[in-house]
Amino acid sequence: MNRRIVSTFALALATSVIAYAAQAAEIKNIVIVHGAFADGSGWRKATEILERRGFQVTVVQEPLTSLADDIAATNRVLDLQDGPTLLVGHSYGGMVITEAGRNPHVEGLVYVAAFQPDKGEDVATLAGSKPPAGTGIKETKDGKYLYLDPSVFHADFAADLPKAEAAFVAQSQVFAAKEVFGTKVGDPAWRTKKSWSIVATEDRSINPELERTMAKRAGSVVTEIKSSHAVFASQPKKVADVIEKAAKEAGR
């Protein structure tokens, strides 16, 4: 084999390797897990932005009946993905993605104004360590479910959304089983996979200082956005920008 042939072969091989590496690093699947007291419909604007940018987005409608049920619902969606996936969680959804993120399809995690627990932690303990400004969570009469008082929903959950929009979310909120907030998580996926965190600086549902502390502990790449807890709905472009950046970097 002469030098020209060897050189051509080597160039072709190098090009193939580079192309394969680029393809392997490319993430086009986004799976979103919503938090408590809301459902996935609030992610519509952010989803449409991401889809216009070429991503395939799926929103998990977890039942909020138990952490195990919500993780199972997320894994069912993840198992349908064709290729590497970025897993996004808002609020309580951060608890879910911390465990579901161990799914082999997941390449990276994005926490959006979310709990970002370590092994053995639960929502109640984390929230109690740095209490939020809002105090509107109530129990149903049977003591089995929790909801956010509609009278303070706008102030505590979505202060930067129009009042009418926040009122509708309050009226259509999904009640969460009380046990959800006392269930401890297992080994966190962020220990072995890259993670990003959005801190909502005006958050009254999760203390922004707690969001910062959890993100720092996990070594997450942090973006701060001046927003309420409903940052995904009030600032959909900024949230989509973080998700897109994470998708580009997760596979590298």
Protein backbone atom coordinates (compact mmCIF):
# COMPACT_ATOMS: atom_id res chain seq x y z
CA MET A 1 0.00 0.00 0.00
CA ASN A 2 1.63 3.30 -1.08
CA ARG A 3 1.79 6.42 1.01
CA ARG A 4 -1.02 8.20 -0.84
CA ILE A 5 -3.43 5.32 -0.19
CA VAL A 6 -2.39 5.11 3.46
CA SER A 7 -2.84 8.86 3.87
CA THR A 8 -6.28 8.79 2.20
CA PHE A 9 -7.35 5.84 4.36
CA ALA A 10 -6.15 7.54 7.53
CA LEU A 11 -8.00 10.76 6.63
CA ALA A 12 -11.21 8.87 5.90
CA LEU A 13 -10.93 6.96 9.19
CA ALA A 14 -10.31 10.13 11.18
CA THR A 15 -13.27 11.84 9.53
CA SER A 16 -15.49 8.89 10.35
CA VAL A 17 -14.38 8.87 13.98
CA ILE A 18 -15.02 12.60 14.32
CA ALA A 19 -18.44 12.29 12.70
CA TYR A 20 -19.35 9.38 14.95
CA ALA A 21 -18.23 11.26 18.05
CA ALA A 22 -20.28 14.29 17.06
CA GLN A 23 -23.31 12.13 16.43
CA ALA A 24 -22.87 10.33 19.76
CA ALA A 25 -22.69 13.65 21.60
CA GLU A 26 -25.80 15.06 19.95
CA ILE A 27 -28.89 14.91 22.17
CA LYS A 28 -32.25 15.57 20.55
CA ASN A 29 -34.58 13.94 23.09
CA ILE A 30 -35.87 16.01 26.00
CA VAL A 31 -38.05 14.44 28.70
CA ILE A 32 -39.67 16.82 31.20
CA VAL A 33 -41.06 15.92 34.64
CA HIS A 34 -43.41 18.49 36.16
CA GLY A 35 -43.68 19.28 39.85
CA ALA A 36 -46.47 19.06 42.40
CA PHE A 37 -49.60 21.26 42.31
CA ALA A 38 -49.36 21.56 38.52
CA ASP A 39 -49.28 19.34 35.46
CA GLY A 40 -47.23 19.21 32.30
CA SER A 41 -49.38 21.66 30.32
CA GLY A 42 -47.52 24.62 31.82
CA TRP A 43 -44.48 23.51 29.83
CA ARG A 44 -46.19 24.12 26.49
CA LYS A 45 -44.41 27.38 25.61
CA ALA A 46 -40.97 26.02 26.50
CA THR A 47 -41.75 22.82 24.60
CA GLU A 48 -42.74 24.70 21.46
CA ILE A 49 -39.51 26.74 21.61
CA LEU A 50 -37.42 23.58 21.95
CA GLU A 51 -39.29 21.84 19.14
CA ARG A 52 -38.61 24.80 16.84
CA ARG A 53 -34.95 24.30 17.66
CA GLY A 54 -35.09 20.69 16.51
CA PHE A 55 -35.66 18.80 19.77
CA GLN A 56 -38.11 15.97 20.39
CA VAL A 57 -39.87 16.81 23.65
CA THR A 58 -41.98 14.54 25.84
CA VAL A 59 -43.68 15.65 29.07
CA VAL A 60 -44.31 13.01 31.73
CA GLN A 61 -47.70 13.30 33.42
CA GLU A 62 -46.75 11.54 36.63
CA PRO A 63 -49.61 10.56 38.98
CA LEU A 64 -48.18 12.17 42.17
CA THR A 65 -49.41 9.17 44.14
CA SER A 66 -45.98 8.10 45.40
CA LEU A 67 -42.35 8.74 44.53
CA ALA A 68 -42.06 5.15 43.28
CA ASP A 69 -45.10 5.59 41.00
CA ASP A 70 -43.70 8.85 39.62
CA ILE A 71 -40.28 7.32 38.96
CA ALA A 72 -41.95 4.37 37.22
CA ALA A 73 -44.02 6.72 35.04
CA THR A 74 -40.86 8.60 34.07
CA ASN A 75 -38.98 5.41 33.26
CA ARG A 76 -41.81 4.26 31.00
CA VAL A 77 -41.38 7.44 28.95
CA LEU A 78 -37.59 7.22 29.00
CA ASP A 79 -37.71 3.66 27.70
CA LEU A 80 -39.59 4.91 24.63
CA GLN A 81 -36.79 7.31 23.67
CA ASP A 82 -34.67 6.52 20.65
CA GLY A 83 -31.19 7.63 21.60
CA PRO A 84 -29.59 9.73 24.35
CA THR A 85 -31.93 11.90 26.40
CA LEU A 86 -31.78 14.97 28.61
CA LEU A 87 -34.02 14.64 31.67
CA VAL A 88 -35.55 17.83 33.09
CA GLY A 89 -37.36 18.19 36.42
CA HIS A 90 -39.23 21.10 38.01
CA SER A 91 -39.77 21.45 41.76
CA TYR A 92 -40.73 18.02 43.18
CA GLY A 93 -39.87 16.68 39.73
CA GLY A 94 -36.26 17.09 40.80
CA MET A 95 -36.78 14.27 43.31
CA VAL A 96 -38.09 12.09 40.50
CA ILE A 97 -35.30 12.74 38.01
CA THR A 98 -32.66 12.21 40.69
CA GLU A 99 -33.57 8.51 40.69
CA ALA A 100 -35.05 8.11 37.21
CA GLY A 101 -31.88 9.71 35.87
CA ARG A 102 -30.08 6.43 36.38
CA ASN A 103 -31.97 5.14 33.33
CA PRO A 104 -29.38 4.29 30.63
CA HIS A 105 -31.06 6.61 28.10
CA VAL A 106 -30.28 9.64 30.28
CA GLU A 107 -27.12 11.59 29.50
CA GLY A 108 -27.73 14.64 31.67
CA LEU A 109 -30.08 16.25 34.19
CA VAL A 110 -31.58 19.74 34.37
CA TYR A 111 -33.10 20.93 37.65
CA VAL A 112 -35.53 23.82 37.19
CA ALA A 113 -36.31 25.56 40.51
CA ALA A 114 -36.20 22.03 41.84
CA PHE A 115 -35.26 19.85 44.76
CA GLN A 116 -31.91 18.20 44.09
CA PRO A 117 -31.59 15.62 46.86
CA ASP A 118 -28.77 13.42 48.00
CA LYS A 119 -29.32 9.81 49.05
CA GLY A 120 -31.68 9.46 52.01
CA GLU A 121 -33.20 12.94 51.74
CA ASP A 122 -36.86 13.83 51.25
CA VAL A 123 -38.82 16.96 50.34
CA ALA A 124 -39.99 17.71 53.88
CA THR A 125 -36.50 17.56 55.36
CA LEU A 126 -34.92 19.62 52.59
CA ALA A 127 -37.65 22.27 52.64
CA GLY A 128 -37.41 22.47 56.43
CA SER A 129 -33.66 23.08 56.33
CA LYS A 130 -34.20 26.42 54.59
CA PRO A 131 -37.93 27.20 54.73
CA PRO A 132 -39.51 29.03 51.77
CA ALA A 133 -41.33 32.33 52.05
CA GLY A 134 -44.65 30.78 51.02
CA THR A 135 -46.79 28.96 53.56
CA GLY A 136 -49.89 28.07 51.57
CA ILE A 137 -49.68 24.25 51.44
CA LYS A 138 -52.81 22.63 52.94
CA GLU A 139 -54.01 19.10 53.68
CA THR A 140 -57.22 17.63 52.32
CA LYS A 141 -59.83 16.62 54.91
CA ASP A 142 -58.77 12.99 54.80
CA GLY A 143 -55.18 14.01 55.53
CA LYS A 144 -53.86 12.00 52.58
CA TYR A 145 -53.22 14.70 49.99
CA LEU A 146 -51.69 18.17 49.87
CA TYR A 147 -52.59 21.17 47.74
CA LEU A 148 -51.61 24.83 47.45
CA ASP A 149 -54.25 27.21 48.74
CA PRO A 150 -55.74 28.96 45.68
CA SER A 151 -55.90 32.24 47.60
CA VAL A 152 -52.08 32.43 47.73
CA PHE A 153 -51.29 30.44 44.59
CA HIS A 154 -50.46 33.50 42.53
CA ALA A 155 -48.12 34.97 45.17
CA ASP A 156 -46.43 31.74 46.22
CA PHE A 157 -46.20 29.81 42.95
CA ALA A 158 -46.54 32.09 39.95
CA ALA A 159 -46.22 35.75 40.90
CA ASP A 160 -44.82 36.73 37.51
CA LEU A 161 -47.65 35.15 35.53
CA PRO A 162 -50.81 37.11 34.74
CA LYS A 163 -53.34 36.71 37.57
CA ALA A 164 -55.90 35.04 35.32
CA GLU A 165 -53.37 32.49 34.12
CA ALA A 166 -52.17 31.75 37.66
CA ALA A 167 -55.79 31.43 38.80
CA PHE A 168 -56.46 28.77 36.18
CA VAL A 169 -53.39 26.80 37.23
CA ALA A 170 -54.57 27.03 40.83
CA GLN A 171 -58.02 25.78 39.88
CA SER A 172 -56.63 22.87 37.84
CA GLN A 173 -53.77 21.93 40.16
CA VAL A 174 -52.95 18.28 40.78
CA PHE A 175 -53.09 17.26 44.42
CA ALA A 176 -50.06 15.31 45.63
CA ALA A 177 -50.19 12.35 48.01
CA LYS A 178 -48.80 13.42 51.38
CA GLU A 179 -46.42 10.45 51.44
CA VAL A 180 -44.68 11.84 48.35
CA PHE A 181 -43.02 14.53 50.47
CA GLY A 182 -41.74 12.15 53.12
CA THR A 183 -40.20 9.50 50.86
CA LYS A 184 -36.42 9.33 50.80
CA VAL A 185 -34.54 9.02 47.51
CA GLY A 186 -31.93 6.44 46.62
CA ASP A 187 -28.57 6.92 44.93
CA PRO A 188 -28.66 10.23 43.01
CA ALA A 189 -28.00 10.17 39.28
CA TRP A 190 -26.18 13.51 39.51
CA ARG A 191 -23.23 11.72 41.10
CA THR A 192 -22.43 10.00 37.82
CA LYS A 193 -24.06 12.25 35.21
CA LYS A 194 -23.69 15.91 34.33
CA SER A 195 -26.26 18.28 35.77
CA TRP A 196 -27.50 21.84 35.35
CA SER A 197 -29.60 23.88 37.73
CA ILE A 198 -31.85 26.90 37.30
CA VAL A 199 -32.26 28.98 40.45
CA ALA A 200 -35.44 31.06 40.47
CA THR A 201 -34.31 34.06 42.51
CA GLU A 202 -37.84 35.18 43.53
CA ASP A 203 -39.03 31.66 44.38
CA ARG A 204 -41.47 31.47 47.31
CA SER A 205 -42.12 27.71 47.04
CA ILE A 206 -38.50 26.56 47.37
CA ASN A 207 -36.04 28.85 49.08
CA PRO A 208 -33.59 30.13 46.42
CA GLU A 209 -30.75 29.65 48.93
CA LEU A 210 -31.69 25.98 49.18
CA GLU A 211 -31.65 25.72 45.38
CA ARG A 212 -28.15 27.22 45.35
CA THR A 213 -26.92 24.95 48.13
CA MET A 214 -28.19 21.78 46.48
CA ALA A 215 -26.79 22.76 43.09
CA LYS A 216 -23.36 23.56 44.56
CA ARG A 217 -23.27 20.24 46.39
CA ALA A 218 -24.07 18.38 43.16
CA GLY A 219 -21.54 20.33 41.13
CA SER A 220 -24.24 21.53 38.75
CA VAL A 221 -23.80 24.30 36.22
CA VAL A 222 -26.00 27.07 37.65
CA THR A 223 -28.08 29.72 35.88
CA GLU A 224 -29.99 32.26 37.95
CA ILE A 225 -33.22 33.71 36.55
CA LYS A 226 -35.23 36.44 38.21
CA SER A 227 -38.54 34.65 38.42
CA SER A 228 -41.15 32.98 40.57
CA HIS A 229 -41.33 29.22 41.14
CA ALA A 230 -43.17 28.96 37.81
CA VAL A 231 -40.06 30.02 35.88
CA PHE A 232 -40.73 27.39 33.20
CA ALA A 233 -43.99 29.17 32.30
CA SER A 234 -43.08 32.81 32.94
CA GLN A 235 -39.61 32.67 31.37
CA PRO A 236 -39.93 29.84 28.81
CA LYS A 237 -37.23 31.14 26.44
CA LYS A 238 -34.62 31.49 29.18
CA VAL A 239 -35.44 28.01 30.46
CA ALA A 240 -35.31 26.60 26.92
CA ASP A 241 -31.91 28.26 26.44
CA VAL A 242 -30.51 26.44 29.48
CA ILE A 243 -31.99 23.12 28.32
CA GLU A 244 -30.56 23.56 24.84
CA LYS A 245 -27.11 24.39 26.23
CA ALA A 246 -27.25 21.33 28.50
CA ALA A 247 -28.28 19.10 25.61
CA LYS A 248 -25.29 20.26 23.59
CA GLU A 249 -22.86 19.76 26.47
CA ALA A 250 -24.18 16.62 28.16
CA GLY A 251 -22.82 14.16 25.64
CA ARG A 252 -19.32 15.65 25.47
